[in-house]
PDB file of N, CA and C in Angstrom:
ATOM      1  N   GLY A   1      24.614   8.840  15.067  1.00  0.00           N
ATOM      2  CA  GLY A   1      25.812   9.590  14.872  1.00  0.00           C
ATOM      3  C   GLY A   1      26.834   8.838  14.046  1.00  0.00           C
ATOM      4  N   GLN A   2      28.069   9.237  14.168  1.00  0.00           N
ATOM      5  CA  GLN A   2      29.165   8.652  13.398  1.00  0.00           C
ATOM      6  C   GLN A   2      29.329   7.164  13.684  1.00  0.00           C
ATOM      7  N   ASP A   3      29.072   6.743  14.918  1.00  0.00           N
ATOM      8  CA  ASP A   3      29.169   5.319  15.257  1.00  0.00           C
ATOM      9  C   ASP A   3      28.250   4.476  14.381  1.00  0.00           C
ATOM     10  N   LEU A   4      27.018   4.915  14.231  1.00  0.00           N
ATOM     11  CA  LEU A   4      26.048   4.173  13.438  1.00  0.00           C
ATOM     12  C   LEU A   4      26.463   4.143  11.968  1.00  0.00           C
ATOM     13  N   ILE A   5      26.968   5.239  11.462  1.00  0.00           N
ATOM     14  CA  ILE A   5      27.379   5.307  10.057  1.00  0.00           C
ATOM     15  C   ILE A   5      28.411   4.232   9.746  1.00  0.00           C
ATOM     16  N   ASN A   6      29.323   3.993  10.656  1.00  0.00           N
ATOM     17  CA  ASN A   6      30.370   3.003  10.422  1.00  0.00           C
ATOM     18  C   ASN A   6      29.893   1.567  10.597  1.00  0.00           C
ATOM     19  N   LYS A   7      28.729   1.372  11.191  1.00  0.00           N
ATOM     20  CA  LYS A   7      28.261   0.030  11.505  1.00  0.00           C
ATOM     21  C   LYS A   7      27.128  -0.459  10.613  1.00  0.00           C
ATOM     22  N   VAL A   8      26.475   0.416   9.867  1.00  0.00           N
ATOM     23  CA  VAL A   8      25.325   0.016   9.053  1.00  0.00           C
ATOM     24  C   VAL A   8      25.815  -0.704   7.806  1.00  0.00           C
ATOM     25  N   SER A   9      25.290  -1.904   7.601  1.00  0.00           N
ATOM     26  CA  SER A   9      25.672  -2.693   6.437  1.00  0.00           C
ATOM     27  C   SER A   9      24.483  -2.822   5.493  1.00  0.00           C
ATOM     28  N   PHE A  10      24.752  -3.364   4.310  1.00  0.00           N
ATOM     29  CA  PHE A  10      23.645  -3.627   3.392  1.00  0.00           C
ATOM     30  C   PHE A  10      22.672  -4.632   4.000  1.00  0.00           C
ATOM     31  N   GLN A  11      23.166  -5.562   4.801  1.00  0.00           N
ATOM     32  CA  GLN A  11      22.260  -6.524   5.460  1.00  0.00           C
ATOM     33  C   GLN A  11      21.234  -5.801   6.328  1.00  0.00           C
ATOM     34  N   ASP A  12      21.677  -4.785   7.051  1.00  0.00           N
ATOM     35  CA  ASP A  12      20.765  -4.004   7.895  1.00  0.00           C
ATOM     36  C   ASP A  12      19.715  -3.308   7.036  1.00  0.00           C
ATOM     37  N   VAL A  13      20.171  -2.679   5.978  1.00  0.00           N
ATOM     38  CA  VAL A  13      19.288  -1.938   5.079  1.00  0.00           C
ATOM     39  C   VAL A  13      18.369  -2.902   4.329  1.00  0.00           C
ATOM     40  N   ASN A  14      18.899  -4.044   3.944  1.00  0.00           N
ATOM     41  CA  ASN A  14      18.118  -5.009   3.175  1.00  0.00           C
ATOM     42  C   ASN A  14      16.935  -5.548   3.978  1.00  0.00           C
ATOM     43  N   LYS A  15      17.070  -5.651   5.293  1.00  0.00           N
ATOM     44  CA  LYS A  15      15.937  -6.063   6.135  1.00  0.00           C
ATOM     45  C   LYS A  15      14.793  -5.071   5.972  1.00  0.00           C
ATOM     46  N   ILE A  16      15.113  -3.799   5.956  1.00  0.00           N
ATOM     47  CA  ILE A  16      14.102  -2.755   5.766  1.00  0.00           C
ATOM     48  C   ILE A  16      13.530  -2.850   4.355  1.00  0.00           C
ATOM     49  N   PHE A  17      14.404  -2.987   3.369  1.00  0.00           N
ATOM     50  CA  PHE A  17      13.941  -3.093   1.987  1.00  0.00           C
ATOM     51  C   PHE A  17      12.981  -4.261   1.811  1.00  0.00           C
ATOM     52  N   ARG A  18      13.324  -5.411   2.380  1.00  0.00           N
ATOM     53  CA  ARG A  18      12.466  -6.601   2.218  1.00  0.00           C
ATOM     54  C   ARG A  18      11.101  -6.405   2.863  1.00  0.00           C
ATOM     55  N   MET A  19      11.046  -5.738   3.994  1.00  0.00           N
ATOM     56  CA  MET A  19       9.777  -5.524   4.687  1.00  0.00           C
ATOM     57  C   MET A  19       8.931  -4.423   4.057  1.00  0.00           C
ATOM     58  N   HIS A  20       9.579  -3.418   3.494  1.00  0.00           N
ATOM     59  CA  HIS A  20       8.854  -2.215   3.093  1.00  0.00           C
ATOM     60  C   HIS A  20       8.967  -1.841   1.617  1.00  0.00           C
ATOM     61  N   CYS A  21       9.880  -2.446   0.870  1.00  0.00           N
ATOM     62  CA  CYS A  21      10.191  -1.895  -0.448  1.00  0.00           C
ATOM     63  C   CYS A  21      10.159  -2.878  -1.613  1.00  0.00           C
ATOM     64  N   THR A  22      10.787  -4.038  -1.454  1.00  0.00           N
ATOM     65  CA  THR A  22      11.003  -4.895  -2.623  1.00  0.00           C
ATOM     66  C   THR A  22       9.734  -5.558  -3.140  1.00  0.00           C
ATOM     67  N   GLY A  23       8.628  -5.469  -2.406  1.00  0.00           N
ATOM     68  CA  GLY A  23       7.367  -5.948  -2.950  1.00  0.00           C
ATOM     69  C   GLY A  23       7.006  -5.200  -4.225  1.00  0.00           C
ATOM     70  N   CYS A  24       7.371  -3.939  -4.286  1.00  0.00           N
ATOM     71  CA  CYS A  24       7.152  -3.114  -5.485  1.00  0.00           C
ATOM     72  C   CYS A  24       8.460  -2.868  -6.233  1.00  0.00           C
ATOM     73  N   HIS A  25       9.552  -2.702  -5.491  1.00  0.00           N
ATOM     74  CA  HIS A  25      10.837  -2.328  -6.085  1.00  0.00           C
ATOM     75  C   HIS A  25      11.767  -3.532  -6.171  1.00  0.00           C
ATOM     76  N   GLY A  26      11.272  -4.569  -6.844  1.00  0.00           N
ATOM     77  CA  GLY A  26      12.090  -5.748  -7.087  1.00  0.00           C
ATOM     78  C   GLY A  26      12.667  -5.686  -8.483  1.00  0.00           C
ATOM     79  N   ASN A  27      12.810  -6.836  -9.103  1.00  0.00           N
ATOM     80  CA  ASN A  27      13.459  -6.877 -10.417  1.00  0.00           C
ATOM     81  C   ASN A  27      12.489  -6.661 -11.568  1.00  0.00           C
ATOM     82  N   SER A  28      11.289  -6.170 -11.285  1.00  0.00           N
ATOM     83  CA  SER A  28      10.284  -5.988 -12.330  1.00  0.00           C
ATOM     84  C   SER A  28      10.374  -4.631 -13.019  1.00  0.00           C
ATOM     85  N   GLY A  29      11.428  -3.884 -12.747  1.00  0.00           N
ATOM     86  CA  GLY A  29      11.594  -2.594 -13.410  1.00  0.00           C
ATOM     87  C   GLY A  29      11.526  -1.451 -12.425  1.00  0.00           C
ATOM     88  N   GLY A  30      11.756  -0.262 -12.920  1.00  0.00           N
ATOM     89  CA  GLY A  30      11.760   0.901 -12.033  1.00  0.00           C
ATOM     90  C   GLY A  30      12.968   0.877 -11.122  1.00  0.00           C
ATOM     91  N   VAL A  31      12.781   1.254  -9.891  1.00  0.00           N
ATOM     92  CA  VAL A  31      13.857   1.274  -8.907  1.00  0.00           C
ATOM     93  C   VAL A  31      13.977  -0.117  -8.291  1.00  0.00           C
ATOM     94  N   ASN A  32      15.063  -0.798  -8.571  1.00  0.00           N
ATOM     95  CA  ASN A  32      15.289  -2.154  -8.074  1.00  0.00           C
ATOM     96  C   ASN A  32      16.151  -2.075  -6.816  1.00  0.00           C
ATOM     97  N   LEU A  33      15.640  -2.646  -5.728  1.00  0.00           N
ATOM     98  CA  LEU A  33      16.359  -2.620  -4.456  1.00  0.00           C
ATOM     99  C   LEU A  33      16.704  -4.019  -3.953  1.00  0.00           C
ATOM    100  N   GLU A  34      16.723  -4.991  -4.841  1.00  0.00           N
ATOM    101  CA  GLU A  34      16.947  -6.374  -4.412  1.00  0.00           C
ATOM    102  C   GLU A  34      18.399  -6.724  -4.135  1.00  0.00           C
ATOM    103  N   THR A  35      19.328  -6.045  -4.756  1.00  0.00           N
ATOM    104  CA  THR A  35      20.740  -6.369  -4.544  1.00  0.00           C
ATOM    105  C   THR A  35      21.496  -5.139  -4.070  1.00  0.00           C
ATOM    106  N   HIS A  36      22.645  -5.387  -3.478  1.00  0.00           N
ATOM    107  CA  HIS A  36      23.483  -4.286  -3.011  1.00  0.00           C
ATOM    108  C   HIS A  36      23.836  -3.350  -4.163  1.00  0.00           C
ATOM    109  N   ALA A  37      24.216  -3.909  -5.309  1.00  0.00           N
ATOM    110  CA  ALA A  37      24.608  -3.082  -6.457  1.00  0.00           C
ATOM    111  C   ALA A  37      23.447  -2.210  -6.936  1.00  0.00           C
ATOM    112  N   HIS A  38      22.266  -2.801  -7.051  1.00  0.00           N
ATOM    113  CA  HIS A  38      21.104  -2.028  -7.494  1.00  0.00           C
ATOM    114  C   HIS A  38      20.739  -0.955  -6.474  1.00  0.00           C
ATOM    115  N   ALA A  39      20.773  -1.320  -5.202  1.00  0.00           N
ATOM    116  CA  ALA A  39      20.416  -0.356  -4.160  1.00  0.00           C
ATOM    117  C   ALA A  39      21.388   0.818  -4.158  1.00  0.00           C
ATOM    118  N   LYS A  40      22.687   0.531  -4.298  1.00  0.00           N
ATOM    119  CA  LYS A  40      23.680   1.613  -4.335  1.00  0.00           C
ATOM    120  C   LYS A  40      23.450   2.535  -5.535  1.00  0.00           C
ATOM    121  N   MET A  41      23.073   1.950  -6.683  1.00  0.00           N
ATOM    122  CA  MET A  41      22.810   2.769  -7.876  1.00  0.00           C
ATOM    123  C   MET A  41      21.622   3.699  -7.654  1.00  0.00           C
ATOM    124  N   ASN A  42      20.683   3.284  -6.832  1.00  0.00           N
ATOM    125  CA  ASN A  42      19.469   4.057  -6.592  1.00  0.00           C
ATOM    126  C   ASN A  42      19.485   4.802  -5.261  1.00  0.00           C
ATOM    127  N   LEU A  43      20.642   4.865  -4.625  1.00  0.00           N
ATOM    128  CA  LEU A  43      20.733   5.413  -3.275  1.00  0.00           C
ATOM    129  C   LEU A  43      20.182   6.830  -3.159  1.00  0.00           C
ATOM    130  N   GLU A  44      20.508   7.690  -4.081  1.00  0.00           N
ATOM    131  CA  GLU A  44      20.030   9.076  -4.005  1.00  0.00           C
ATOM    132  C   GLU A  44      18.506   9.132  -4.155  1.00  0.00           C
ATOM    133  N   ARG A  45      17.958   8.324  -5.039  1.00  0.00           N
ATOM    134  CA  ARG A  45      16.501   8.297  -5.205  1.00  0.00           C
ATOM    135  C   ARG A  45      15.826   7.769  -3.946  1.00  0.00           C
ATOM    136  N   VAL A  46      16.413   6.745  -3.336  1.00  0.00           N
ATOM    137  CA  VAL A  46      15.866   6.196  -2.097  1.00  0.00           C
ATOM    138  C   VAL A  46      15.906   7.254  -1.000  1.00  0.00           C
ATOM    139  N   ARG A  47      17.039   7.925  -0.874  1.00  0.00           N
ATOM    140  CA  ARG A  47      17.185   8.970   0.152  1.00  0.00           C
ATOM    141  C   ARG A  47      16.128  10.059  -0.029  1.00  0.00           C
ATOM    142  N   ARG A  48      15.965  10.503  -1.254  1.00  0.00           N
ATOM    143  CA  ARG A  48      15.012  11.582  -1.529  1.00  0.00           C
ATOM    144  C   ARG A  48      13.571  11.138  -1.229  1.00  0.00           C
ATOM    145  N   SER A  49      13.190   9.955  -1.695  1.00  0.00           N
ATOM    146  CA  SER A  49      11.787   9.531  -1.562  1.00  0.00           C
ATOM    147  C   SER A  49      11.420   9.066  -0.156  1.00  0.00           C
ATOM    148  N   THR A  50      12.386   8.520   0.598  1.00  0.00           N
ATOM    149  CA  THR A  50      12.057   8.004   1.932  1.00  0.00           C
ATOM    150  C   THR A  50      12.385   8.969   3.057  1.00  0.00           C
ATOM    151  N   ILE A  51      13.535   9.632   2.974  1.00  0.00           N
ATOM    152  CA  ILE A  51      13.997  10.457   4.092  1.00  0.00           C
ATOM    153  C   ILE A  51      13.578  11.908   3.924  1.00  0.00           C
ATOM    154  N   ILE A  52      13.725  12.452   2.728  1.00  0.00           N
ATOM    155  CA  ILE A  52      13.438  13.869   2.516  1.00  0.00           C
ATOM    156  C   ILE A  52      11.950  14.111   2.268  1.00  0.00           C
ATOM    157  N   GLU A  53      11.395  13.421   1.266  1.00  0.00           N
ATOM    158  CA  GLU A  53      10.006  13.678   0.883  1.00  0.00           C
ATOM    159  C   GLU A  53       8.999  12.823   1.639  1.00  0.00           C
ATOM    160  N   ARG A  54       9.462  11.735   2.240  1.00  0.00           N
ATOM    161  CA  ARG A  54       8.616  10.818   3.016  1.00  0.00           C
ATOM    162  C   ARG A  54       7.412  10.319   2.208  1.00  0.00           C
ATOM    163  N   ARG A  55       7.605  10.072   0.909  1.00  0.00           N
ATOM    164  CA  ARG A  55       6.496   9.564   0.102  1.00  0.00           C
ATOM    165  C   ARG A  55       6.590   8.062  -0.137  1.00  0.00           C
ATOM    166  N   MET A  56       7.657   7.446   0.335  1.00  0.00           N
ATOM    167  CA  MET A  56       7.813   6.002   0.270  1.00  0.00           C
ATOM    168  C   MET A  56       8.112   5.492   1.666  1.00  0.00           C
ATOM    169  N   PRO A  57       7.693   4.307   1.994  1.00  0.00           N
ATOM    170  CA  PRO A  57       6.901   3.379   1.200  1.00  0.00           C
ATOM    171  C   PRO A  57       5.434   3.769   1.178  1.00  0.00           C
ATOM    172  N   GLN A  58       4.736   3.264   0.176  1.00  0.00           N
ATOM    173  CA  GLN A  58       3.312   3.517   0.048  1.00  0.00           C
ATOM    174  C   GLN A  58       2.528   2.277   0.454  1.00  0.00           C
ATOM    175  N   ALA A  59       1.246   2.463   0.702  1.00  0.00           N
ATOM    176  CA  ALA A  59       0.366   1.354   1.072  1.00  0.00           C
ATOM    177  C   ALA A  59       0.463   0.261   0.015  1.00  0.00           C
ATOM    178  N   PRO A  60       0.401  -0.977   0.406  1.00  0.00           N
ATOM    179  CA  PRO A  60      -0.009  -1.475   1.728  1.00  0.00           C
ATOM    180  C   PRO A  60       1.125  -1.578   2.731  1.00  0.00           C
ATOM    181  N   TYR A  61       2.300  -1.092   2.393  1.00  0.00           N
ATOM    182  CA  TYR A  61       3.446  -1.208   3.293  1.00  0.00           C
ATOM    183  C   TYR A  61       3.405  -0.115   4.349  1.00  0.00           C
ATOM    184  N   PRO A  62       3.752  -0.463   5.591  1.00  0.00           N
ATOM    185  CA  PRO A  62       3.723   0.545   6.658  1.00  0.00           C
ATOM    186  C   PRO A  62       4.844   1.563   6.481  1.00  0.00           C
ATOM    187  N   PRO A  63       4.632   2.784   6.988  1.00  0.00           N
ATOM    188  CA  PRO A  63       5.694   3.785   6.913  1.00  0.00           C
ATOM    189  C   PRO A  63       6.904   3.351   7.737  1.00  0.00           C
ATOM    190  N   LEU A  64       8.041   3.924   7.421  1.00  0.00           N
ATOM    191  CA  LEU A  64       9.256   3.624   8.164  1.00  0.00           C
ATOM    192  C   LEU A  64       9.222   4.341   9.505  1.00  0.00           C
ATOM    193  N   ASN A  65       9.698   3.665  10.544  1.00  0.00           N
ATOM    194  CA  ASN A  65       9.786   4.319  11.845  1.00  0.00           C
ATOM    195  C   ASN A  65      11.109   5.094  11.928  1.00  0.00           C
ATOM    196  N   GLN A  66      11.294   5.815  12.997  1.00  0.00           N
ATOM    197  CA  GLN A  66      12.478   6.673  13.109  1.00  0.00           C
ATOM    198  C   GLN A  66      13.773   5.867  13.076  1.00  0.00           C
ATOM    199  N   GLU A  67      13.778   4.704  13.721  1.00  0.00           N
ATOM    200  CA  GLU A  67      14.986   3.876  13.715  1.00  0.00           C
ATOM    201  C   GLU A  67      15.331   3.436  12.294  1.00  0.00           C
ATOM    202  N   GLN A  68      14.324   3.034  11.533  1.00  0.00           N
ATOM    203  CA  GLN A  68      14.559   2.607  10.146  1.00  0.00           C
ATOM    204  C   GLN A  68      15.059   3.769   9.297  1.00  0.00           C
ATOM    205  N   LEU A  69      14.480   4.944   9.487  1.00  0.00           N
ATOM    206  CA  LEU A  69      14.941   6.129   8.756  1.00  0.00           C
ATOM    207  C   LEU A  69      16.395   6.449   9.102  1.00  0.00           C
ATOM    208  N   THR A  70      16.735   6.312  10.369  1.00  0.00           N
ATOM    209  CA  THR A  70      18.106   6.581  10.813  1.00  0.00           C
ATOM    210  C   THR A  70      19.083   5.591  10.176  1.00  0.00           C
ATOM    211  N   VAL A  71      18.709   4.311  10.125  1.00  0.00           N
ATOM    212  CA  VAL A  71      19.562   3.299   9.509  1.00  0.00           C
ATOM    213  C   VAL A  71      19.763   3.612   8.028  1.00  0.00           C
ATOM    214  N   LEU A  72      18.695   3.936   7.318  1.00  0.00           N
ATOM    215  CA  LEU A  72      18.813   4.280   5.902  1.00  0.00           C
ATOM    216  C   LEU A  72      19.687   5.512   5.703  1.00  0.00           C
ATOM    217  N   ALA A  73      19.484   6.507   6.515  1.00  0.00           N
ATOM    218  CA  ALA A  73      20.268   7.751   6.396  1.00  0.00           C
ATOM    219  C   ALA A  73      21.750   7.480   6.649  1.00  0.00           C
ATOM    220  N   ALA A  74      22.050   6.596   7.587  1.00  0.00           N
ATOM    221  CA  ALA A  74      23.442   6.294   7.923  1.00  0.00           C
ATOM    222  C   ALA A  74      24.122   5.492   6.830  1.00  0.00           C
ATOM    223  N   TRP A  75      23.352   4.692   6.099  1.00  0.00           N
ATOM    224  CA  TRP A  75      23.919   3.877   5.047  1.00  0.00           C
ATOM    225  C   TRP A  75      24.266   4.731   3.863  1.00  0.00           C
TER     226      TRP A  75
END
């Protein structure tokens, strides 16, 4: 809820990114999620691909669990 929205930081989101995303979405091009600035620039794409369409992350990375999806959505 609203409580979580006010408490989620980039550090929280970055833990998820490091475990599930930056292996592919680092500084090598495409969607870069390594820094706060890059992640914010790609926020809508991240929301669409992870929360709405559920097509990211892809193998070999495990899918996001509900708590991780909630944290991303709140950010």
